[in-house]
Amino acid sequence: MTATRYFRYDWEPSGLGAGSIWNEFDGERPVRQVECYGGRWFSSRQAYHPELGPGLAEGPLSKMDYGPENEVTAEEFERAWLAAGSAPSQSD
């Protein structure tokens, strides 16, 4: 059985300002992703975002730059996932 793990990474992509990315991994495989920049939410519910690219990380966990300081609880991830789901669609 593989372990589900959750991560948060803060960064600043060009044009959107500072923000955070939350990822859920089942073992090595990315499962869900949420991003928030200046109150604008994006999630992997949508496969592609014109401003960001793919809605879900394309690589395995072992290829990510996450350290122990980036690991978060399932509860924190779920709060972000729910917030993104209640936000207006970014494709509108």
Protein backbone atom coordinates (compact mmCIF):
# COMPACT_ATOMS: atom_id res chain seq x y z
CA MET A 1 0.00 0.00 0.00
CA THR A 2 1.36 3.43 -0.92
CA ALA A 3 1.26 6.40 1.38
CA THR A 4 -0.66 9.54 0.51
CA ARG A 5 1.40 12.67 1.21
CA TYR A 6 0.63 16.38 0.92
CA PHE A 7 2.92 19.31 0.21
CA ARG A 8 2.78 23.10 0.00
CA TYR A 9 5.28 25.20 -1.90
CA ASP A 10 5.30 29.01 -2.06
CA TRP A 11 6.54 30.67 -5.23
CA GLU A 12 6.00 33.53 -7.68
CA PRO A 13 5.30 32.71 -11.33
CA SER A 14 5.61 35.58 -13.78
CA GLY A 15 2.49 37.65 -14.15
CA LEU A 16 0.42 36.18 -11.32
CA GLY A 17 2.33 37.35 -8.25
CA ALA A 18 3.28 35.41 -5.16
CA GLY A 19 1.28 32.33 -4.35
CA SER A 20 1.14 28.78 -3.06
CA ILE A 21 0.83 25.34 -4.59
CA TRP A 22 -0.58 22.35 -2.71
CA ASN A 23 0.00 18.85 -4.09
CA GLU A 24 -1.36 15.45 -3.13
CA PHE A 25 0.71 12.38 -4.05
CA ASP A 26 -0.25 8.72 -3.84
CA GLY A 27 3.21 7.23 -3.53
CA GLU A 28 5.10 8.77 -6.46
CA ARG A 29 2.00 9.68 -8.49
CA PRO A 30 0.50 13.20 -8.38
CA VAL A 31 -3.24 12.98 -7.67
CA ARG A 32 -4.59 16.50 -7.03
CA GLN A 33 -3.17 20.02 -7.12
CA VAL A 34 -4.35 23.45 -5.98
CA GLU A 35 -2.75 26.84 -6.63
CA CYS A 36 -3.64 30.28 -5.29
CA TYR A 37 -2.18 33.62 -6.44
CA GLY A 38 -3.55 36.86 -5.04
CA GLY A 39 -6.87 35.24 -4.15
CA ARG A 40 -7.24 33.57 -7.58
CA TRP A 41 -7.65 29.81 -7.23
CA PHE A 42 -6.73 27.12 -9.76
CA SER A 43 -7.02 23.35 -9.37
CA SER A 44 -6.48 20.09 -11.18
CA ARG A 45 -10.26 19.82 -11.59
CA GLN A 46 -9.38 21.60 -14.84
CA ALA A 47 -6.72 19.77 -16.89
CA TYR A 48 -5.13 22.94 -18.30
CA HIS A 49 -5.03 26.60 -17.29
CA PRO A 50 -4.05 29.12 -20.01
CA GLU A 51 -2.13 31.24 -17.48
CA LEU A 52 -0.34 28.36 -15.73
CA GLY A 53 -0.22 25.32 -17.97
CA PRO A 54 -1.21 21.82 -16.82
CA GLY A 55 -3.48 21.66 -13.80
CA LEU A 56 -1.56 18.75 -12.29
CA ALA A 57 2.15 18.21 -11.71
CA GLU A 58 3.60 16.13 -14.52
CA GLY A 59 6.41 14.43 -12.60
CA PRO A 60 6.71 11.92 -9.78
CA LEU A 61 7.26 13.02 -6.19
CA SER A 62 10.92 12.00 -6.31
CA LYS A 63 11.52 14.60 -9.06
CA MET A 64 9.97 17.47 -7.05
CA ASP A 65 11.95 19.96 -5.00
CA TYR A 66 10.00 19.28 -1.80
CA GLY A 67 11.76 19.01 1.55
CA PRO A 68 10.36 18.00 4.95
CA GLU A 69 9.47 21.66 5.57
CA ASN A 70 7.02 21.52 2.63
CA GLU A 71 4.98 18.58 3.92
CA VAL A 72 1.53 19.56 5.25
CA THR A 73 -1.45 17.75 6.74
CA ALA A 74 -4.31 16.24 4.79
CA GLU A 75 -6.55 18.79 6.52
CA GLU A 76 -4.56 21.75 5.15
CA PHE A 77 -4.67 20.28 1.65
CA GLU A 78 -8.43 19.65 1.87
CA ARG A 79 -9.07 23.24 3.02
CA ALA A 80 -7.24 24.52 -0.06
CA TRP A 81 -9.03 22.01 -2.32
CA LEU A 82 -12.42 23.12 -1.00
CA ALA A 83 -11.51 26.81 -1.32
CA ALA A 84 -10.53 26.28 -4.96
CA GLY A 85 -13.75 24.39 -5.63
CA SER A 86 -15.91 27.20 -4.29
CA ALA A 87 -14.02 29.90 -6.21
CA PRO A 88 -15.34 31.12 -9.57
CA SER A 89 -13.93 29.20 -12.51
CA GLN A 90 -10.75 30.79 -13.87
CA SER A 91 -11.89 29.97 -17.41
CA ASP A 92 -14.94 32.25 -17.08
